[in-house]
């Protein structure tokens, strides 16, 4: 230990320490003008002070940015939650608007077909597949629904009731292969038959047959029920001619009918109650 105190390193360290203490003491003396010692202290201490000030500023800026980022994250989370709420409200409003339009359309049917008694119903189940070729509704005998009652929407003919329970009914649509209806071409008055087809059902269309070769019909002509056949009332819109051709025997025209009803998106229908026989 005694060798350490006698070493050059200790002597130099002691001298430097004493000089720093003297300079610090001199720097505390209040004068109007800095002397040599004060200037020397300032010269020595300024870089050190600048260093620690820059370190302090950097540290302060870091924590300030950290607090700002935390605040931004919290604000973004609140905004994201609000956006989600607004999206849900928008979807609900669209659903209510669409339902209101459908129900208003169904209500107008009662005003149009004043000679018939009608029952509103909701679709509760459907056969597998994209198209509503057959489906179940939530009205039955307790609501006055009977077998072979006509089913419509505000767009046109849907089909008929082929099976009925106390609080439900099964409906076959005009695109189903079990369906057939007498029809008339609105523009020309020519008579024909509209039938469901297995080939066309998956496309949401149906088949028109037995149309006279003398008929002056064209693609785009509207097709309505004729009232013949014992099921459907007359003048219900079925759809329009999508394509026209001649049958294989060359005896009649036949056509593909694009229904007026969108058989992908049926949700509510009206049942026209048959008159008591």
Protein backbone atom coordinates (compact mmCIF):
# COMPACT_ATOMS: atom_id res chain seq x y z
CA UNK A 1 0.00 0.00 0.00
CA UNK A 2 2.90 2.38 0.83
CA UNK A 3 4.29 1.83 -2.67
CA UNK A 4 0.99 2.98 -4.16
CA UNK A 5 1.12 6.34 -2.35
CA UNK A 6 4.71 6.82 -3.57
CA UNK A 7 3.84 5.91 -7.18
CA UNK A 8 3.79 8.50 -10.02
CA UNK A 9 0.12 7.71 -10.74
CA UNK A 10 -0.94 8.65 -7.20
CA UNK A 11 1.15 11.83 -7.26
CA UNK A 12 -0.36 12.90 -10.60
CA UNK A 13 -3.91 12.01 -9.45
CA UNK A 14 -3.42 14.04 -6.28
CA UNK A 15 -2.12 17.06 -8.17
CA UNK A 16 -5.04 16.94 -10.64
CA UNK A 17 -7.55 16.58 -7.81
CA UNK A 18 -6.10 19.57 -5.96
CA UNK A 19 -6.14 21.68 -9.14
CA UNK A 20 -9.79 20.79 -9.82
CA UNK A 21 -10.76 21.71 -6.23
CA UNK A 22 -8.94 25.02 -6.52
CA UNK A 23 -10.59 25.79 -9.86
CA UNK A 24 -14.03 24.91 -8.49
CA UNK A 25 -13.47 27.12 -5.46
CA UNK A 26 -12.36 30.01 -7.59
CA UNK A 27 -15.36 29.58 -9.90
CA UNK A 28 -17.75 30.11 -7.00
CA UNK A 29 -16.40 33.62 -6.29
CA UNK A 30 -18.89 36.16 -7.66
CA UNK A 31 -17.15 38.69 -9.94
CA UNK A 32 -18.25 40.85 -12.80
CA UNK A 33 -15.61 39.38 -15.05
CA UNK A 34 -14.25 35.88 -15.07
CA UNK A 35 -10.54 35.67 -14.23
CA UNK A 36 -8.00 33.27 -15.56
CA UNK A 37 -8.94 30.56 -13.10
CA UNK A 38 -12.67 30.99 -13.70
CA UNK A 39 -12.14 30.96 -17.40
CA UNK A 40 -10.06 27.83 -17.10
CA UNK A 41 -12.75 26.16 -15.01
CA UNK A 42 -15.39 27.18 -17.52
CA UNK A 43 -13.30 25.87 -20.35
CA UNK A 44 -12.80 22.54 -18.60
CA UNK A 45 -16.33 22.17 -17.26
CA UNK A 46 -18.31 23.39 -20.29
CA UNK A 47 -17.87 20.22 -22.38
CA UNK A 48 -18.73 18.13 -19.34
CA UNK A 49 -21.86 20.21 -18.70
CA UNK A 50 -22.87 20.08 -22.35
CA UNK A 51 -22.45 16.32 -22.32
CA UNK A 52 -24.64 15.80 -19.26
CA UNK A 53 -27.19 18.34 -20.55
CA UNK A 54 -27.42 16.51 -23.88
CA UNK A 55 -27.78 13.23 -22.04
CA UNK A 56 -30.54 14.75 -19.95
CA UNK A 57 -32.28 16.23 -22.98
CA UNK A 58 -32.09 12.93 -24.85
CA UNK A 59 -33.47 11.08 -21.84
CA UNK A 60 -36.30 13.60 -21.49
CA UNK A 61 -37.12 13.40 -25.19
CA UNK A 62 -37.15 9.61 -25.06
CA UNK A 63 -39.61 9.47 -22.19
CA UNK A 64 -41.66 12.25 -23.80
CA UNK A 65 -41.91 10.24 -27.03
CA UNK A 66 -42.67 7.14 -25.01
CA UNK A 67 -45.56 8.92 -23.28
CA UNK A 68 -46.75 10.30 -26.65
CA UNK A 69 -46.65 6.87 -28.28
CA UNK A 70 -48.59 5.37 -25.40
CA UNK A 71 -51.16 8.13 -25.75
CA UNK A 72 -51.39 7.54 -29.52
CA UNK A 73 -51.84 3.80 -29.03
CA UNK A 74 -54.63 4.37 -26.53
CA UNK A 75 -56.29 6.89 -28.86
CA UNK A 76 -56.00 4.50 -31.80
CA UNK A 77 -57.56 1.71 -29.77
CA UNK A 78 -60.46 3.99 -28.86
CA UNK A 79 -60.90 5.05 -32.49
CA UNK A 80 -60.81 1.41 -33.68
CA UNK A 81 -63.48 0.48 -31.15
CA UNK A 82 -65.64 3.41 -32.29
CA UNK A 83 -65.21 2.44 -35.95
CA UNK A 84 -66.35 -1.09 -35.12
CA UNK A 85 -69.43 0.29 -33.33
CA UNK A 86 -70.27 2.49 -36.33
CA UNK A 87 -69.86 -0.44 -38.74
CA UNK A 88 -72.26 -2.54 -36.65
CA UNK A 89 -74.76 0.32 -36.51
CA UNK A 90 -74.47 0.76 -40.29
CA UNK A 91 -75.13 -2.94 -40.91
CA UNK A 92 -78.16 -2.82 -38.63
CA UNK A 93 -79.49 0.25 -40.43
CA UNK A 94 -79.05 -1.41 -43.83
CA UNK A 95 -80.80 -4.54 -42.59
CA UNK A 96 -83.70 -2.52 -41.18
CA UNK A 97 -83.95 -0.47 -44.37
CA UNK A 98 -84.00 -3.56 -46.59
CA UNK A 99 -86.56 -5.29 -44.39
CA UNK A 100 -88.71 -2.15 -44.38
CA UNK A 101 -88.60 -2.00 -48.18
CA UNK A 102 -89.55 -5.68 -48.50
CA UNK A 103 -92.42 -5.37 -46.04
CA UNK A 104 -93.64 -2.20 -47.74
CA UNK A 105 -93.60 -4.06 -51.05
CA UNK A 106 -95.60 -6.94 -49.57
CA UNK A 107 -98.09 -4.51 -48.08
CA UNK A 108 -98.63 -2.99 -51.50
CA UNK A 109 -99.70 -6.42 -52.76
CA UNK A 110 -102.73 -6.36 -50.47
CA UNK A 111 -103.67 -3.02 -51.97
CA UNK A 112 -103.16 -4.30 -55.53
CA UNK A 113 -104.96 -7.64 -55.23
CA UNK A 114 -107.98 -6.46 -53.28
CA UNK A 115 -110.09 -9.40 -54.49
CA UNK A 116 -107.92 -11.90 -52.62
CA UNK A 117 -107.23 -12.62 -48.99
CA UNK A 118 -103.52 -12.72 -48.23
CA UNK A 119 -101.29 -13.99 -45.44
CA UNK A 120 -97.77 -12.70 -44.93
CA UNK A 121 -95.13 -15.33 -44.15
CA UNK A 122 -91.40 -15.60 -43.54
CA UNK A 123 -89.09 -18.20 -45.05
CA UNK A 124 -87.70 -20.39 -42.26
CA UNK A 125 -85.91 -23.16 -44.19
CA UNK A 126 -84.96 -24.13 -47.72
CA UNK A 127 -83.67 -27.10 -49.68
CA UNK A 128 -79.89 -27.31 -50.12
CA UNK A 129 -78.48 -25.23 -52.95
CA UNK A 130 -78.18 -21.58 -53.90
CA UNK A 131 -81.68 -21.27 -55.37
CA UNK A 132 -85.02 -21.36 -53.54
CA UNK A 133 -86.62 -24.10 -55.61
CA UNK A 134 -88.47 -25.38 -52.53
CA UNK A 135 -88.68 -23.95 -49.03
CA UNK A 136 -90.67 -23.78 -45.80
CA UNK A 137 -92.63 -20.82 -44.45
CA UNK A 138 -93.92 -20.09 -40.94
CA UNK A 139 -97.65 -20.08 -41.70
CA UNK A 140 -100.07 -23.01 -41.89
CA UNK A 141 -103.67 -24.09 -41.43
CA UNK A 142 -104.16 -22.09 -38.24
CA UNK A 143 -103.43 -19.00 -40.33
CA UNK A 144 -105.83 -20.00 -43.09
CA UNK A 145 -103.19 -21.40 -45.48
CA UNK A 146 -104.26 -24.38 -47.61
CA UNK A 147 -102.64 -26.71 -50.09
CA UNK A 148 -102.23 -25.23 -53.61
CA UNK A 149 -102.44 -21.65 -52.35
CA UNK A 150 -100.42 -19.27 -54.53
CA UNK A 151 -97.22 -17.74 -53.15
CA UNK A 152 -95.95 -14.38 -54.43
CA UNK A 153 -93.69 -11.45 -53.62
CA UNK A 154 -93.97 -7.85 -54.75
CA UNK A 155 -91.75 -8.82 -57.73
CA UNK A 156 -94.05 -11.55 -59.04
CA UNK A 157 -94.98 -15.24 -58.82
CA UNK A 158 -93.00 -17.50 -56.49
CA UNK A 159 -94.89 -20.79 -56.60
CA UNK A 160 -97.55 -22.67 -54.64
CA UNK A 161 -98.11 -24.47 -51.35
CA UNK A 162 -97.78 -28.21 -51.91
CA UNK A 163 -97.78 -29.35 -48.26
CA UNK A 164 -99.27 -27.68 -45.21
CA UNK A 165 -99.10 -28.17 -41.44
CA UNK A 166 -100.73 -26.34 -38.59
CA UNK A 167 -98.05 -23.63 -38.28
CA UNK A 168 -95.89 -24.24 -41.38
CA UNK A 169 -96.13 -24.89 -45.09
CA UNK A 170 -93.80 -26.20 -47.80
CA UNK A 171 -93.65 -24.24 -51.03
CA UNK A 172 -92.62 -25.32 -54.54
CA UNK A 173 -91.35 -22.48 -56.73
CA UNK A 174 -91.85 -22.03 -60.46
CA UNK A 175 -88.24 -23.07 -61.13
CA UNK A 176 -88.77 -26.44 -59.41
CA UNK A 177 -89.23 -29.47 -61.69
CA UNK A 178 -92.53 -30.26 -59.93
CA UNK A 179 -94.03 -26.94 -61.03
CA UNK A 180 -96.09 -26.08 -64.15
CA UNK A 181 -98.34 -23.13 -64.93
CA UNK A 182 -100.44 -21.90 -67.83
CA UNK A 183 -99.04 -18.60 -69.06
CA UNK A 184 -99.58 -15.84 -71.58
CA UNK A 185 -97.16 -13.57 -73.41
CA UNK A 186 -98.18 -10.12 -72.25
CA UNK A 187 -97.41 -8.27 -75.49
CA UNK A 188 -98.92 -10.71 -78.00
CA UNK A 189 -101.51 -12.62 -75.96
CA UNK A 190 -100.11 -16.02 -77.07
CA UNK A 191 -100.65 -18.92 -74.68
CA UNK A 192 -98.01 -21.39 -73.49
CA UNK A 193 -96.88 -23.40 -70.45
CA UNK A 194 -94.11 -22.55 -68.01
CA UNK A 195 -92.44 -25.53 -66.34
CA UNK A 196 -89.61 -26.06 -63.90
CA UNK A 197 -86.66 -28.01 -65.23
CA UNK A 198 -83.86 -29.96 -63.53
CA UNK A 199 -81.42 -28.62 -66.09
CA UNK A 200 -82.43 -24.99 -65.63
CA UNK A 201 -83.21 -25.03 -61.91
CA UNK A 202 -79.55 -24.66 -60.93
CA UNK A 203 -79.41 -21.50 -63.04
CA UNK A 204 -82.51 -20.02 -61.40
CA UNK A 205 -84.51 -20.11 -64.64
CA UNK A 206 -87.43 -22.14 -65.99
CA UNK A 207 -88.70 -23.50 -69.32
CA UNK A 208 -91.51 -22.26 -71.58
CA UNK A 209 -93.02 -24.76 -74.02
CA UNK A 210 -95.96 -25.28 -76.40
CA UNK A 211 -95.75 -21.77 -77.83
CA UNK A 212 -97.19 -21.62 -81.34
CA UNK A 213 -94.77 -21.17 -84.24
CA UNK A 214 -97.13 -18.47 -85.45
CA UNK A 215 -96.53 -16.41 -82.33
CA UNK A 216 -94.62 -13.19 -82.97
CA UNK A 217 -92.72 -13.22 -79.70
CA UNK A 218 -89.24 -11.91 -78.95
CA UNK A 219 -86.54 -12.05 -76.33
CA UNK A 220 -87.46 -9.65 -73.52
CA UNK A 221 -91.24 -10.22 -73.76
CA UNK A 222 -92.94 -10.49 -70.38
CA UNK A 223 -94.75 -13.66 -69.35
CA UNK A 224 -97.74 -13.74 -66.97
CA UNK A 225 -100.02 -16.38 -65.51
CA UNK A 226 -103.05 -17.07 -67.72
CA UNK A 227 -105.35 -18.18 -64.89
CA UNK A 228 -105.74 -21.60 -66.52
CA UNK A 229 -104.75 -24.78 -64.72
CA UNK A 230 -106.66 -24.34 -61.49
CA UNK A 231 -103.88 -23.04 -59.21
CA UNK A 232 -102.63 -19.59 -60.09
CA UNK A 233 -104.79 -16.49 -60.54
CA UNK A 234 -104.32 -14.62 -63.81
CA UNK A 235 -101.95 -11.72 -64.54
CA UNK A 236 -99.25 -12.60 -62.03
CA UNK A 237 -95.85 -11.76 -63.49
CA UNK A 238 -93.68 -14.84 -63.98
CA UNK A 239 -90.71 -13.29 -65.78
CA UNK A 240 -89.41 -12.49 -69.25
CA UNK A 241 -88.10 -14.47 -72.19
CA UNK A 242 -84.33 -14.84 -71.92
CA UNK A 243 -83.77 -16.95 -75.05
CA UNK A 244 -85.98 -18.38 -77.79
CA UNK A 245 -85.64 -21.50 -79.96
CA UNK A 246 -87.65 -24.16 -81.82
CA UNK A 247 -88.38 -27.52 -80.19
CA UNK A 248 -86.63 -30.62 -81.63
CA UNK A 249 -89.76 -31.66 -83.56
CA UNK A 250 -90.08 -28.21 -85.08
CA UNK A 251 -93.70 -27.89 -83.93
CA UNK A 252 -93.47 -25.19 -81.28
CA UNK A 253 -91.32 -22.42 -79.96
CA UNK A 254 -89.68 -23.00 -76.63
CA UNK A 255 -87.90 -20.52 -74.43
CA UNK A 256 -85.90 -20.01 -71.28
CA UNK A 257 -87.68 -17.73 -68.80
CA UNK A 258 -85.82 -15.49 -66.40
CA UNK A 259 -88.13 -15.19 -63.37
CA UNK A 260 -89.08 -11.80 -62.01
CA UNK A 261 -88.45 -13.04 -58.46
CA UNK A 262 -84.88 -13.33 -57.20
CA UNK A 263 -84.84 -16.96 -56.07
CA UNK A 264 -81.51 -16.55 -54.31
CA UNK A 265 -82.76 -14.01 -51.76
CA UNK A 266 -86.34 -14.75 -50.77
CA UNK A 267 -87.00 -13.90 -47.12
CA UNK A 268 -90.69 -12.88 -46.94
CA UNK A 269 -93.64 -13.89 -49.11
CA UNK A 270 -97.39 -13.42 -49.36
CA UNK A 271 -99.76 -16.37 -49.62
CA UNK A 272 -102.92 -15.81 -51.66
CA UNK A 273 -105.63 -17.82 -49.93
CA UNK A 274 -107.78 -19.90 -52.23
CA UNK A 275 -111.50 -19.22 -52.27
CA UNK A 276 -113.64 -21.76 -50.44
CA UNK A 277 -115.08 -24.30 -52.89
